[in-house]
Amino acid sequence: MKPDGTLILKRSEVASLLSLGECIGAVEEAFRLNEEGQSLPPGVLETLTGDGGFHIKSAGLKLAAGTYYAAKVNGNFPRNTSRWGLPTIQGVIALHDGESGYPLALMDSIEITALRTGAATAVAAKYLARPDSKAATVCGCGVQGRAQLKSLAQVIRLARVYAYDRDEVLAGKFADEMSEELRTEVIPVTDLPGALGASDVCVTCTPSRRPFLMQEHVRAGTFVAAVGADNPLKQELDPALMASNKVVVDVLEQCATIGDLHHAIAAGVMDKSDVYAELGAIVAARTPGRTSDEEVIIFDSTGTALQDVAAASVVYQNALRAGVGGWLDLAE
């Protein structure tokens, strides 16, 4: 049946239609479906500029409600806030019927990008962090740092969080806001190795272009989610840290091209065959997750359109039920 038109959704509407819990569940299912062959394979196209860049990420999923395909165009410009008063990351997601190609919806991408990135970390932590984890370090105290911490708190009973950022004022503000919101002790720190020595989990979500998380900083049993390296120029983890521990990726080929894995391969200390598994294989119970309390496990999270299409499909279905959004017939 031909839809009535294309649903147009603003950022505020998307935010009202997608809860963090829903997003985590949808992303977990997306990784499982991809492993089981129920997806249209994810792809990425990157265009870098002097101050940032653009990427197009696309994928499809065969869900109970139908087959959906999404293509997201995002701009990522770290200096946006200081220069223009704009978000660092902004863009749009086009959601299509995966069988007819009809454009079902066009929606703002900011909320989905933040939530689905945090959701992937939550899914990975569920399977890869030690069950008794209580303390976490978050490196990068911007929008994504908040999404990451909120997502971790959905799957780990956190007693203490250390907030680290090159901008100490930003780290202090993050600590104050997140302590109040999560009712958890969040402490701004300047001593990253010291914080990591007291942490069970570490998330890196920065725009860094050189490694700052070194092998000697990370204690046995830690789960590390490396989130910031989403283009070939970005890097957060020491290649030696990657090479010495168990590495799980969101999508192998993508991580080998743009993630921290890319840098470990370029340094000659790893090959794609050294990667333990894709996250989907662990979610689908085809590969064991954590097998020891002592092992360090690194999740290289470059962000895949599997997450985008999963989240966008939830937004679309919720919008239809709630009667939210405006309609256009793009074929007129």
C-alpha atoms as a PDB file:
ATOM      1  CA  MET A   1       0.000   0.000   0.000  1.00  0.00           C
ATOM      2  CA  LYS A   2       1.319   3.428  -0.945  1.00  0.00           C
ATOM      3  CA  PRO A   3       1.887   5.666   2.132  1.00  0.00           C
ATOM      4  CA  ASP A   4       0.068   8.992   2.397  1.00  0.00           C
ATOM      5  CA  GLY A   5       3.303  10.945   2.101  1.00  0.00           C
ATOM      6  CA  THR A   6       6.643  11.623   3.748  1.00  0.00           C
ATOM      7  CA  LEU A   7       6.577  12.410   7.454  1.00  0.00           C
ATOM      8  CA  ILE A   8       8.705  15.423   8.473  1.00  0.00           C
ATOM      9  CA  LEU A   9      10.002  15.426  12.062  1.00  0.00           C
ATOM     10  CA  LYS A  10      11.854  18.241  13.855  1.00  0.00           C
ATOM     11  CA  ARG A  11      14.507  17.675  16.511  1.00  0.00           C
ATOM     12  CA  SER A  12      12.105  18.376  19.382  1.00  0.00           C
ATOM     13  CA  GLU A  13       9.611  15.913  17.943  1.00  0.00           C
ATOM     14  CA  VAL A  14      12.257  13.208  17.508  1.00  0.00           C
ATOM     15  CA  ALA A  15      13.367  13.732  21.118  1.00  0.00           C
ATOM     16  CA  SER A  16       9.796  13.302  22.358  1.00  0.00           C
ATOM     17  CA  LEU A  17       9.350  10.079  20.384  1.00  0.00           C
ATOM     18  CA  LEU A  18      12.468   8.122  21.396  1.00  0.00           C
ATOM     19  CA  SER A  19      13.352   7.143  24.948  1.00  0.00           C
ATOM     20  CA  LEU A  20      16.832   5.938  25.876  1.00  0.00           C
ATOM     21  CA  GLY A  21      15.487   2.551  26.936  1.00  0.00           C
ATOM     22  CA  GLU A  22      13.716   2.099  23.607  1.00  0.00           C
ATOM     23  CA  CYS A  23      16.864   3.099  21.747  1.00  0.00           C
ATOM     24  CA  ILE A  24      19.063   0.634  23.645  1.00  0.00           C
ATOM     25  CA  GLY A  25      16.616  -2.189  22.937  1.00  0.00           C
ATOM     26  CA  ALA A  26      16.378  -1.281  19.258  1.00  0.00           C
ATOM     27  CA  VAL A  27      20.161  -1.052  18.846  1.00  0.00           C
ATOM     28  CA  GLU A  28      20.709  -4.394  20.556  1.00  0.00           C
ATOM     29  CA  GLU A  29      18.188  -5.987  18.199  1.00  0.00           C
ATOM     30  CA  ALA A  30      19.862  -4.324  15.202  1.00  0.00           C
ATOM     31  CA  PHE A  31      23.237  -5.872  16.028  1.00  0.00           C
ATOM     32  CA  ARG A  32      21.587  -9.287  16.454  1.00  0.00           C
ATOM     33  CA  LEU A  33      19.671  -9.037  13.171  1.00  0.00           C
ATOM     34  CA  ASN A  34      22.785  -7.998  11.282  1.00  0.00           C
ATOM     35  CA  GLU A  35      24.652 -11.030  12.602  1.00  0.00           C
ATOM     36  CA  GLU A  36      21.743 -13.250  11.553  1.00  0.00           C
ATOM     37  CA  GLY A  37      21.690 -11.860   8.015  1.00  0.00           C
ATOM     38  CA  GLN A  38      18.475  -9.850   8.448  1.00  0.00           C
ATOM     39  CA  SER A  39      19.920  -6.542   7.280  1.00  0.00           C
ATOM     40  CA  LEU A  40      20.836  -4.530   4.235  1.00  0.00           C
ATOM     41  CA  PRO A  41      24.597  -4.186   4.862  1.00  0.00           C
ATOM     42  CA  PRO A  42      25.824  -0.898   6.364  1.00  0.00           C
ATOM     43  CA  GLY A  43      27.993   1.484   4.385  1.00  0.00           C
ATOM     44  CA  VAL A  44      29.753   4.791   4.970  1.00  0.00           C
ATOM     45  CA  LEU A  45      31.008   7.626   2.764  1.00  0.00           C
ATOM     46  CA  GLU A  46      33.335  10.250   4.259  1.00  0.00           C
ATOM     47  CA  THR A  47      34.227  13.751   3.067  1.00  0.00           C
ATOM     48  CA  LEU A  48      36.754  15.602   5.235  1.00  0.00           C
ATOM     49  CA  THR A  49      37.285  19.371   5.291  1.00  0.00           C
ATOM     50  CA  GLY A  50      39.809  21.544   7.083  1.00  0.00           C
ATOM     51  CA  ASP A  51      37.576  22.160  10.099  1.00  0.00           C
ATOM     52  CA  GLY A  52      35.521  18.980  10.172  1.00  0.00           C
ATOM     53  CA  GLY A  53      33.702  16.878   7.653  1.00  0.00           C
ATOM     54  CA  PHE A  54      30.602  15.095   6.458  1.00  0.00           C
ATOM     55  CA  HIS A  55      29.636  11.457   6.439  1.00  0.00           C
ATOM     56  CA  ILE A  56      26.815   9.497   4.903  1.00  0.00           C
ATOM     57  CA  LYS A  57      25.898   6.273   6.672  1.00  0.00           C
ATOM     58  CA  SER A  58      23.281   3.866   5.356  1.00  0.00           C
ATOM     59  CA  ALA A  59      21.818   0.465   6.215  1.00  0.00           C
ATOM     60  CA  GLY A  60      18.585  -1.491   6.307  1.00  0.00           C
ATOM     61  CA  LEU A  61      16.882  -3.864   8.733  1.00  0.00           C
ATOM     62  CA  LYS A  62      14.207  -6.507   8.282  1.00  0.00           C
ATOM     63  CA  LEU A  63      11.989  -5.862  11.300  1.00  0.00           C
ATOM     64  CA  ALA A  64       8.639  -7.269  12.370  1.00  0.00           C
ATOM     65  CA  ALA A  65       6.959  -4.004  11.308  1.00  0.00           C
ATOM     66  CA  GLY A  66       8.564  -4.184   7.856  1.00  0.00           C
ATOM     67  CA  THR A  67      11.856  -3.635   6.087  1.00  0.00           C
ATOM     68  CA  TYR A  68      13.344  -0.199   6.623  1.00  0.00           C
ATOM     69  CA  TYR A  69      16.319   1.507   5.002  1.00  0.00           C
ATOM     70  CA  ALA A  70      17.915   4.672   6.372  1.00  0.00           C
ATOM     71  CA  ALA A  71      20.543   7.059   5.040  1.00  0.00           C
ATOM     72  CA  LYS A  72      21.961   9.669   7.386  1.00  0.00           C
ATOM     73  CA  VAL A  73      23.900  12.759   6.292  1.00  0.00           C
ATOM     74  CA  ASN A  74      25.765  14.340   9.206  1.00  0.00           C
ATOM     75  CA  GLY A  75      28.128  17.269   9.405  1.00  0.00           C
ATOM     76  CA  ASN A  76      30.712  17.091  12.222  1.00  0.00           C
ATOM     77  CA  PHE A  77      32.444  20.404  12.961  1.00  0.00           C
ATOM     78  CA  PRO A  78      34.064  20.563  16.449  1.00  0.00           C
ATOM     79  CA  ARG A  79      34.480  24.375  16.345  1.00  0.00           C
ATOM     80  CA  ASN A  80      30.803  25.048  15.608  1.00  0.00           C
ATOM     81  CA  THR A  81      29.833  26.098  19.121  1.00  0.00           C
ATOM     82  CA  SER A  82      32.566  28.712  19.521  1.00  0.00           C
ATOM     83  CA  ARG A  83      32.327  29.998  15.936  1.00  0.00           C
ATOM     84  CA  TRP A  84      28.636  29.920  15.107  1.00  0.00           C
ATOM     85  CA  GLY A  85      26.705  28.851  18.192  1.00  0.00           C
ATOM     86  CA  LEU A  86      25.694  25.663  16.393  1.00  0.00           C
ATOM     87  CA  PRO A  87      25.858  22.005  17.488  1.00  0.00           C
ATOM     88  CA  THR A  88      29.038  20.091  16.637  1.00  0.00           C
ATOM     89  CA  ILE A  89      27.027  17.371  14.914  1.00  0.00           C
ATOM     90  CA  GLN A  90      23.886  18.072  12.857  1.00  0.00           C
ATOM     91  CA  GLY A  91      22.137  16.534   9.901  1.00  0.00           C
ATOM     92  CA  VAL A  92      19.143  14.562   8.636  1.00  0.00           C
ATOM     93  CA  ILE A  93      17.991  10.951   8.375  1.00  0.00           C
ATOM     94  CA  ALA A  94      15.929   9.741   5.432  1.00  0.00           C
ATOM     95  CA  LEU A  95      13.903   6.631   6.296  1.00  0.00           C
ATOM     96  CA  HIS A  96      12.638   4.549   3.382  1.00  0.00           C
ATOM     97  CA  ASP A  97      10.432   1.533   2.876  1.00  0.00           C
ATOM     98  CA  GLY A  98      13.001  -1.187   2.222  1.00  0.00           C
ATOM     99  CA  GLU A  99      10.792  -3.010  -0.297  1.00  0.00           C
ATOM    100  CA  SER A 100       9.354  -0.185  -2.399  1.00  0.00           C
ATOM    101  CA  GLY A 101      11.942   2.536  -1.747  1.00  0.00           C
ATOM    102  CA  TYR A 102       9.248   5.038  -0.753  1.00  0.00           C
ATOM    103  CA  PRO A 103      10.601   7.891   1.430  1.00  0.00           C
ATOM    104  CA  LEU A 104       8.638   7.363   4.635  1.00  0.00           C
ATOM    105  CA  ALA A 105      10.188  10.083   6.762  1.00  0.00           C
ATOM    106  CA  LEU A 106      12.769  12.828   6.883  1.00  0.00           C
ATOM    107  CA  MET A 107      13.915  13.646  10.408  1.00  0.00           C
ATOM    108  CA  ASP A 108      16.525  15.644  12.283  1.00  0.00           C
ATOM    109  CA  SER A 109      19.515  13.466  13.174  1.00  0.00           C
ATOM    110  CA  ILE A 110      20.917  15.134  16.309  1.00  0.00           C
ATOM    111  CA  GLU A 111      18.900  13.299  18.956  1.00  0.00           C
ATOM    112  CA  ILE A 112      19.139   9.942  17.230  1.00  0.00           C
ATOM    113  CA  THR A 113      22.906  10.241  16.735  1.00  0.00           C
ATOM    114  CA  ALA A 114      23.494  11.046  20.405  1.00  0.00           C
ATOM    115  CA  LEU A 115      21.172   8.371  21.773  1.00  0.00           C
ATOM    116  CA  ARG A 116      22.099   5.550  19.423  1.00  0.00           C
ATOM    117  CA  THR A 117      25.828   6.099  20.050  1.00  0.00           C
ATOM    118  CA  GLY A 118      25.303   5.866  23.783  1.00  0.00           C
ATOM    119  CA  ALA A 119      22.990   2.907  23.259  1.00  0.00           C
ATOM    120  CA  ALA A 120      25.716   0.941  21.462  1.00  0.00           C
ATOM    121  CA  THR A 121      28.020   1.457  24.442  1.00  0.00           C
ATOM    122  CA  ALA A 122      25.265   0.278  26.783  1.00  0.00           C
ATOM    123  CA  VAL A 123      24.747  -2.877  24.714  1.00  0.00           C
ATOM    124  CA  ALA A 124      28.480  -3.566  24.626  1.00  0.00           C
ATOM    125  CA  ALA A 125      28.814  -2.942  28.381  1.00  0.00           C
ATOM    126  CA  LYS A 126      25.941  -5.327  29.073  1.00  0.00           C
ATOM    127  CA  TYR A 127      27.896  -8.172  27.480  1.00  0.00           C
ATOM    128  CA  LEU A 128      31.517  -7.107  28.009  1.00  0.00           C
ATOM    129  CA  ALA A 129      31.854  -5.192  31.292  1.00  0.00           C
ATOM    130  CA  ARG A 130      32.363  -7.087  34.545  1.00  0.00           C
ATOM    131  CA  PRO A 131      28.978  -7.670  36.240  1.00  0.00           C
ATOM    132  CA  ASP A 132      30.301  -6.126  39.470  1.00  0.00           C
ATOM    133  CA  SER A 133      31.432  -2.885  37.786  1.00  0.00           C
ATOM    134  CA  LYS A 134      30.755   0.171  39.956  1.00  0.00           C
ATOM    135  CA  ALA A 135      33.059   2.982  38.816  1.00  0.00           C
ATOM    136  CA  ALA A 136      33.490   4.617  35.408  1.00  0.00           C
ATOM    137  CA  THR A 137      35.628   7.292  33.787  1.00  0.00           C
ATOM    138  CA  VAL A 138      34.134   9.412  31.004  1.00  0.00           C
ATOM    139  CA  CYS A 139      36.676  11.194  28.789  1.00  0.00           C
ATOM    140  CA  GLY A 140      34.951  14.026  26.956  1.00  0.00           C
ATOM    141  CA  CYS A 141      32.282  16.029  28.768  1.00  0.00           C
ATOM    142  CA  GLY A 142      30.162  17.328  25.896  1.00  0.00           C
ATOM    143  CA  VAL A 143      26.796  16.213  24.530  1.00  0.00           C
ATOM    144  CA  GLN A 144      28.035  12.727  23.739  1.00  0.00           C
ATOM    145  CA  GLY A 145      29.653  12.337  27.153  1.00  0.00           C
ATOM    146  CA  ARG A 146      26.256  12.925  28.731  1.00  0.00           C
ATOM    147  CA  ALA A 147      24.577  10.410  26.421  1.00  0.00           C
ATOM    148  CA  GLN A 148      27.293   7.871  27.175  1.00  0.00           C
ATOM    149  CA  LEU A 149      26.965   8.203  30.939  1.00  0.00           C
ATOM    150  CA  LYS A 150      23.168   8.058  30.881  1.00  0.00           C
ATOM    151  CA  SER A 151      23.373   4.939  28.724  1.00  0.00           C
ATOM    152  CA  LEU A 152      25.913   3.239  30.980  1.00  0.00           C
ATOM    153  CA  ALA A 153      23.679   3.952  33.955  1.00  0.00           C
ATOM    154  CA  GLN A 154      20.928   1.919  32.264  1.00  0.00           C
ATOM    155  CA  VAL A 155      22.988  -1.288  32.408  1.00  0.00           C
ATOM    156  CA  ILE A 156      25.532  -0.751  35.236  1.00  0.00           C
ATOM    157  CA  ARG A 157      24.817   0.192  38.851  1.00  0.00           C
ATOM    158  CA  LEU A 158      27.320   3.033  39.044  1.00  0.00           C
ATOM    159  CA  ALA A 159      28.469   4.250  42.460  1.00  0.00           C
ATOM    160  CA  ARG A 160      31.098   6.730  41.243  1.00  0.00           C
ATOM    161  CA  VAL A 161      31.999   8.455  37.968  1.00  0.00           C
ATOM    162  CA  TYR A 162      35.118  10.416  37.079  1.00  0.00           C
ATOM    163  CA  ALA A 163      34.684  13.200  34.507  1.00  0.00           C
ATOM    164  CA  TYR A 164      37.767  14.120  32.467  1.00  0.00           C
ATOM    165  CA  ASP A 165      38.075  16.820  29.839  1.00  0.00           C
ATOM    166  CA  ARG A 166      40.869  19.095  28.642  1.00  0.00           C
ATOM    167  CA  ASP A 167      38.473  21.937  29.506  1.00  0.00           C
ATOM    168  CA  GLU A 168      38.328  21.742  33.310  1.00  0.00           C
ATOM    169  CA  VAL A 169      35.373  24.132  33.475  1.00  0.00           C
ATOM    170  CA  LEU A 170      33.409  21.849  31.154  1.00  0.00           C
ATOM    171  CA  ALA A 171      34.289  18.821  33.296  1.00  0.00           C
ATOM    172  CA  GLY A 172      33.092  20.633  36.413  1.00  0.00           C
ATOM    173  CA  LYS A 173      29.785  21.599  34.816  1.00  0.00           C
ATOM    174  CA  PHE A 174      29.314  18.035  33.561  1.00  0.00           C
ATOM    175  CA  ALA A 175      29.953  16.660  37.043  1.00  0.00           C
ATOM    176  CA  ASP A 176      27.454  19.013  38.673  1.00  0.00           C
ATOM    177  CA  GLU A 177      24.698  18.371  36.141  1.00  0.00           C
ATOM    178  CA  MET A 178      25.111  14.612  35.905  1.00  0.00           C
ATOM    179  CA  SER A 179      25.451  14.149  39.684  1.00  0.00           C
ATOM    180  CA  GLU A 180      22.062  15.792  40.115  1.00  0.00           C
ATOM    181  CA  GLU A 181      20.387  14.015  37.203  1.00  0.00           C
ATOM    182  CA  LEU A 182      21.649  10.505  37.949  1.00  0.00           C
ATOM    183  CA  ARG A 183      21.861  10.801  41.749  1.00  0.00           C
ATOM    184  CA  THR A 184      25.366   9.397  41.463  1.00  0.00           C
ATOM    185  CA  GLU A 185      28.669  10.852  42.628  1.00  0.00           C
ATOM    186  CA  VAL A 186      30.363  12.415  39.587  1.00  0.00           C
ATOM    187  CA  ILE A 187      33.812  13.878  40.244  1.00  0.00           C
ATOM    188  CA  PRO A 188      35.747  16.148  37.853  1.00  0.00           C
ATOM    189  CA  VAL A 189      39.382  15.029  37.567  1.00  0.00           C
ATOM    190  CA  THR A 190      42.585  16.233  35.962  1.00  0.00           C
ATOM    191  CA  ASP A 191      44.567  13.042  36.717  1.00  0.00           C
ATOM    192  CA  LEU A 192      43.356  10.613  34.052  1.00  0.00           C
ATOM    193  CA  PRO A 193      45.668   7.697  35.010  1.00  0.00           C
ATOM    194  CA  GLY A 194      44.567   8.054  38.625  1.00  0.00           C
ATOM    195  CA  ALA A 195      40.894   7.936  37.657  1.00  0.00           C
ATOM    196  CA  LEU A 196      41.429   4.916  35.427  1.00  0.00           C
ATOM    197  CA  GLY A 197      43.211   3.125  38.255  1.00  0.00           C
ATOM    198  CA  ALA A 198      39.969   3.320  40.235  1.00  0.00           C
ATOM    199  CA  SER A 199      37.592   2.539  37.339  1.00  0.00           C
ATOM    200  CA  ASP A 200      35.981  -0.609  35.980  1.00  0.00           C
ATOM    201  CA  VAL A 201      34.709   1.089  32.816  1.00  0.00           C
ATOM    202  CA  CYS A 202      36.132   3.845  30.625  1.00  0.00           C
ATOM    203  CA  VAL A 203      34.417   5.682  27.773  1.00  0.00           C
ATOM    204  CA  THR A 204      36.354   7.951  25.414  1.00  0.00           C
ATOM    205  CA  CYS A 205      34.207  10.332  23.370  1.00  0.00           C
ATOM    206  CA  THR A 206      36.468  13.160  22.264  1.00  0.00           C
ATOM    207  CA  PRO A 207      37.548  14.723  18.941  1.00  0.00           C
ATOM    208  CA  SER A 208      41.205  13.823  19.671  1.00  0.00           C
ATOM    209  CA  ARG A 209      43.554  13.253  16.749  1.00  0.00           C
ATOM    210  CA  ARG A 210      46.253  11.535  18.785  1.00  0.00           C
ATOM    211  CA  PRO A 211      46.112   8.794  21.411  1.00  0.00           C
ATOM    212  CA  PHE A 212      45.752   9.743  25.062  1.00  0.00           C
ATOM    213  CA  LEU A 213      44.580   6.423  26.564  1.00  0.00           C
ATOM    214  CA  MET A 214      47.730   4.363  26.984  1.00  0.00           C
ATOM    215  CA  GLN A 215      48.267   0.712  27.790  1.00  0.00           C
ATOM    216  CA  GLU A 216      49.827   1.436  31.187  1.00  0.00           C
ATOM    217  CA  HIS A 217      46.793   3.491  32.249  1.00  0.00           C
ATOM    218  CA  VAL A 218      44.223   0.686  32.026  1.00  0.00           C
ATOM    219  CA  ARG A 219      43.987  -1.829  34.848  1.00  0.00           C
ATOM    220  CA  ALA A 220      43.073  -5.502  34.490  1.00  0.00           C
ATOM    221  CA  GLY A 221      39.367  -6.216  34.039  1.00  0.00           C
ATOM    222  CA  THR A 222      38.453  -2.833  32.547  1.00  0.00           C
ATOM    223  CA  PHE A 223      35.896  -2.425  29.784  1.00  0.00           C
ATOM    224  CA  VAL A 224      36.844   0.410  27.410  1.00  0.00           C
ATOM    225  CA  ALA A 225      34.390   1.909  24.919  1.00  0.00           C
ATOM    226  CA  ALA A 226      36.298   3.953  22.330  1.00  0.00           C
ATOM    227  CA  VAL A 227      33.682   6.170  20.716  1.00  0.00           C
ATOM    228  CA  GLY A 228      35.427   9.269  19.385  1.00  0.00           C
ATOM    229  CA  ALA A 229      37.329   7.903  16.370  1.00  0.00           C
ATOM    230  CA  ASP A 230      34.657   8.128  13.678  1.00  0.00           C
ATOM    231  CA  ASN A 231      36.872   9.313  10.831  1.00  0.00           C
ATOM    232  CA  PRO A 232      40.392   8.330   9.740  1.00  0.00           C
ATOM    233  CA  LEU A 233      42.026  11.369  11.354  1.00  0.00           C
ATOM    234  CA  LYS A 234      40.641  10.843  14.854  1.00  0.00           C
ATOM    235  CA  GLN A 235      42.426   8.632  17.396  1.00  0.00           C
ATOM    236  CA  GLU A 236      42.024   8.104  21.138  1.00  0.00           C
ATOM    237  CA  LEU A 237      43.697   4.783  22.004  1.00  0.00           C
ATOM    238  CA  ASP A 238      47.354   3.798  21.961  1.00  0.00           C
ATOM    239  CA  PRO A 239      47.798   1.077  19.295  1.00  0.00           C
ATOM    240  CA  ALA A 240      49.703  -0.981  21.889  1.00  0.00           C
ATOM    241  CA  LEU A 241      46.595  -0.942  24.112  1.00  0.00           C
ATOM    242  CA  MET A 242      44.544  -2.269  21.216  1.00  0.00           C
ATOM    243  CA  ALA A 243      47.083  -4.936  20.260  1.00  0.00           C
ATOM    244  CA  SER A 244      47.505  -6.278  23.803  1.00  0.00           C
ATOM    245  CA  ASN A 245      43.845  -6.869  24.614  1.00  0.00           C
ATOM    246  CA  LYS A 246      40.549  -8.293  23.367  1.00  0.00           C
ATOM    247  CA  VAL A 247      39.026  -6.006  20.722  1.00  0.00           C
ATOM    248  CA  VAL A 248      35.333  -6.090  19.797  1.00  0.00           C
ATOM    249  CA  VAL A 249      34.082  -3.865  16.960  1.00  0.00           C
ATOM    250  CA  ASP A 250      30.697  -2.610  15.804  1.00  0.00           C
ATOM    251  CA  VAL A 251      31.417  -3.299  12.100  1.00  0.00           C
ATOM    252  CA  LEU A 252      34.804  -4.787  11.229  1.00  0.00           C
ATOM    253  CA  GLU A 253      35.389  -3.224   7.815  1.00  0.00           C
ATOM    254  CA  GLN A 254      34.293   0.209   9.023  1.00  0.00           C
ATOM    255  CA  CYS A 255      36.519   0.101  12.119  1.00  0.00           C
ATOM    256  CA  ALA A 256      39.465  -1.009   9.983  1.00  0.00           C
ATOM    257  CA  THR A 257      38.915   2.090   7.835  1.00  0.00           C
ATOM    258  CA  ILE A 258      38.031   4.859  10.292  1.00  0.00           C
ATOM    259  CA  GLY A 259      38.233   3.596  13.907  1.00  0.00           C
ATOM    260  CA  ASP A 260      40.993   3.156  16.467  1.00  0.00           C
ATOM    261  CA  LEU A 261      41.488  -0.248  14.851  1.00  0.00           C
ATOM    262  CA  HIS A 262      42.486   1.644  11.695  1.00  0.00           C
ATOM    263  CA  HIS A 263      45.397   3.243  13.560  1.00  0.00           C
ATOM    264  CA  ALA A 264      46.502  -0.033  15.142  1.00  0.00           C
ATOM    265  CA  ILE A 265      46.585  -1.609  11.689  1.00  0.00           C
ATOM    266  CA  ALA A 266      48.477   1.375  10.262  1.00  0.00           C
ATOM    267  CA  ALA A 267      51.015   1.072  13.098  1.00  0.00           C
ATOM    268  CA  GLY A 268      51.626  -2.553  12.102  1.00  0.00           C
ATOM    269  CA  VAL A 269      50.613  -3.999  15.485  1.00  0.00           C
ATOM    270  CA  MET A 270      47.254  -5.477  14.461  1.00  0.00           C
ATOM    271  CA  ASP A 271      45.447  -6.995  11.516  1.00  0.00           C
ATOM    272  CA  LYS A 272      41.719  -7.405  10.975  1.00  0.00           C
ATOM    273  CA  SER A 273      42.112 -11.089  11.835  1.00  0.00           C
ATOM    274  CA  ASP A 274      43.257 -10.074  15.353  1.00  0.00           C
ATOM    275  CA  VAL A 275      39.822  -8.665  16.195  1.00  0.00           C
ATOM    276  CA  TYR A 276      37.977 -10.944  18.591  1.00  0.00           C
ATOM    277  CA  ALA A 277      34.447 -10.400  17.222  1.00  0.00           C
ATOM    278  CA  GLU A 278      31.818  -7.994  15.995  1.00  0.00           C
ATOM    279  CA  LEU A 279      29.376  -7.008  18.720  1.00  0.00           C
ATOM    280  CA  GLY A 280      26.510  -8.645  16.835  1.00  0.00           C
ATOM    281  CA  ALA A 281      28.129 -12.080  17.154  1.00  0.00           C
ATOM    282  CA  ILE A 282      28.206 -11.672  20.930  1.00  0.00           C
ATOM    283  CA  VAL A 283      24.635 -10.348  21.137  1.00  0.00           C
ATOM    284  CA  ALA A 284      23.437 -13.289  19.012  1.00  0.00           C
ATOM    285  CA  ALA A 285      25.297 -15.702  21.351  1.00  0.00           C
ATOM    286  CA  ARG A 286      27.481 -17.001  18.547  1.00  0.00           C
ATOM    287  CA  THR A 287      30.668 -15.854  20.288  1.00  0.00           C
ATOM    288  CA  PRO A 288      31.240 -15.625  24.069  1.00  0.00           C
ATOM    289  CA  GLY A 289      31.656 -12.140  25.507  1.00  0.00           C
ATOM    290  CA  ARG A 290      33.754 -11.676  28.632  1.00  0.00           C
ATOM    291  CA  THR A 291      35.421 -14.924  29.661  1.00  0.00           C
ATOM    292  CA  SER A 292      37.553 -13.665  32.567  1.00  0.00           C
ATOM    293  CA  ASP A 293      37.389 -10.987  35.256  1.00  0.00           C
ATOM    294  CA  GLU A 294      40.974 -10.029  34.462  1.00  0.00           C
ATOM    295  CA  GLU A 295      40.794  -9.383  30.722  1.00  0.00           C
ATOM    296  CA  VAL A 296      40.667  -5.880  29.307  1.00  0.00           C
ATOM    297  CA  ILE A 297      38.023  -5.633  26.579  1.00  0.00           C
ATOM    298  CA  ILE A 298      37.945  -2.742  24.110  1.00  0.00           C
ATOM    299  CA  PHE A 299      34.845  -1.868  22.104  1.00  0.00           C
ATOM    300  CA  ASP A 300      35.782   0.107  18.979  1.00  0.00           C
ATOM    301  CA  SER A 301      32.567   2.012  18.277  1.00  0.00           C
ATOM    302  CA  THR A 302      32.626   3.953  15.019  1.00  0.00           C
ATOM    303  CA  GLY A 303      28.849   4.315  14.782  1.00  0.00           C
ATOM    304  CA  THR A 304      26.944   2.328  12.202  1.00  0.00           C
ATOM    305  CA  ALA A 305      23.773   3.065  10.262  1.00  0.00           C
ATOM    306  CA  LEU A 306      22.356  -0.160  11.704  1.00  0.00           C
ATOM    307  CA  GLN A 307      21.908   1.920  14.856  1.00  0.00           C
ATOM    308  CA  ASP A 308      20.385   4.801  12.894  1.00  0.00           C
ATOM    309  CA  VAL A 309      17.808   2.737  11.040  1.00  0.00           C
ATOM    310  CA  ALA A 310      16.862   0.903  14.237  1.00  0.00           C
ATOM    311  CA  ALA A 311      16.283   4.151  16.119  1.00  0.00           C
ATOM    312  CA  ALA A 312      14.622   5.952  13.182  1.00  0.00           C
ATOM    313  CA  SER A 313      12.144   3.108  12.690  1.00  0.00           C
ATOM    314  CA  VAL A 314      11.101   3.394  16.355  1.00  0.00           C
ATOM    315  CA  VAL A 315      10.674   7.160  15.970  1.00  0.00           C
ATOM    316  CA  TYR A 316       8.584   6.679  12.820  1.00  0.00           C
ATOM    317  CA  GLN A 317       6.262   4.074  14.348  1.00  0.00           C
ATOM    318  CA  ASN A 318       5.830   6.144  17.525  1.00  0.00           C
ATOM    319  CA  ALA A 319       5.081   9.242  15.429  1.00  0.00           C
ATOM    320  CA  LEU A 320       2.380   7.415  13.496  1.00  0.00           C
ATOM    321  CA  ARG A 321       0.735   6.266  16.724  1.00  0.00           C
ATOM    322  CA  ALA A 322       0.965   9.707  18.342  1.00  0.00           C
ATOM    323  CA  GLY A 323       0.001  11.715  15.260  1.00  0.00           C
ATOM    324  CA  VAL A 324       3.178  13.801  15.512  1.00  0.00           C
ATOM    325  CA  GLY A 325       4.897  15.564  12.571  1.00  0.00           C
ATOM    326  CA  GLY A 326       3.943  17.123   9.271  1.00  0.00           C
ATOM    327  CA  TRP A 327       3.370  15.500   5.911  1.00  0.00           C
ATOM    328  CA  LEU A 328       4.661  16.223   2.422  1.00  0.00           C
ATOM    329  CA  ASP A 329       4.096  14.432  -0.857  1.00  0.00           C
ATOM    330  CA  LEU A 330       7.544  14.770  -2.393  1.00  0.00           C
ATOM    331  CA  ALA A 331       6.314  13.255  -5.672  1.00  0.00           C
ATOM    332  CA  GLU A 332       3.807  16.040  -6.382  1.00  0.00           C
END
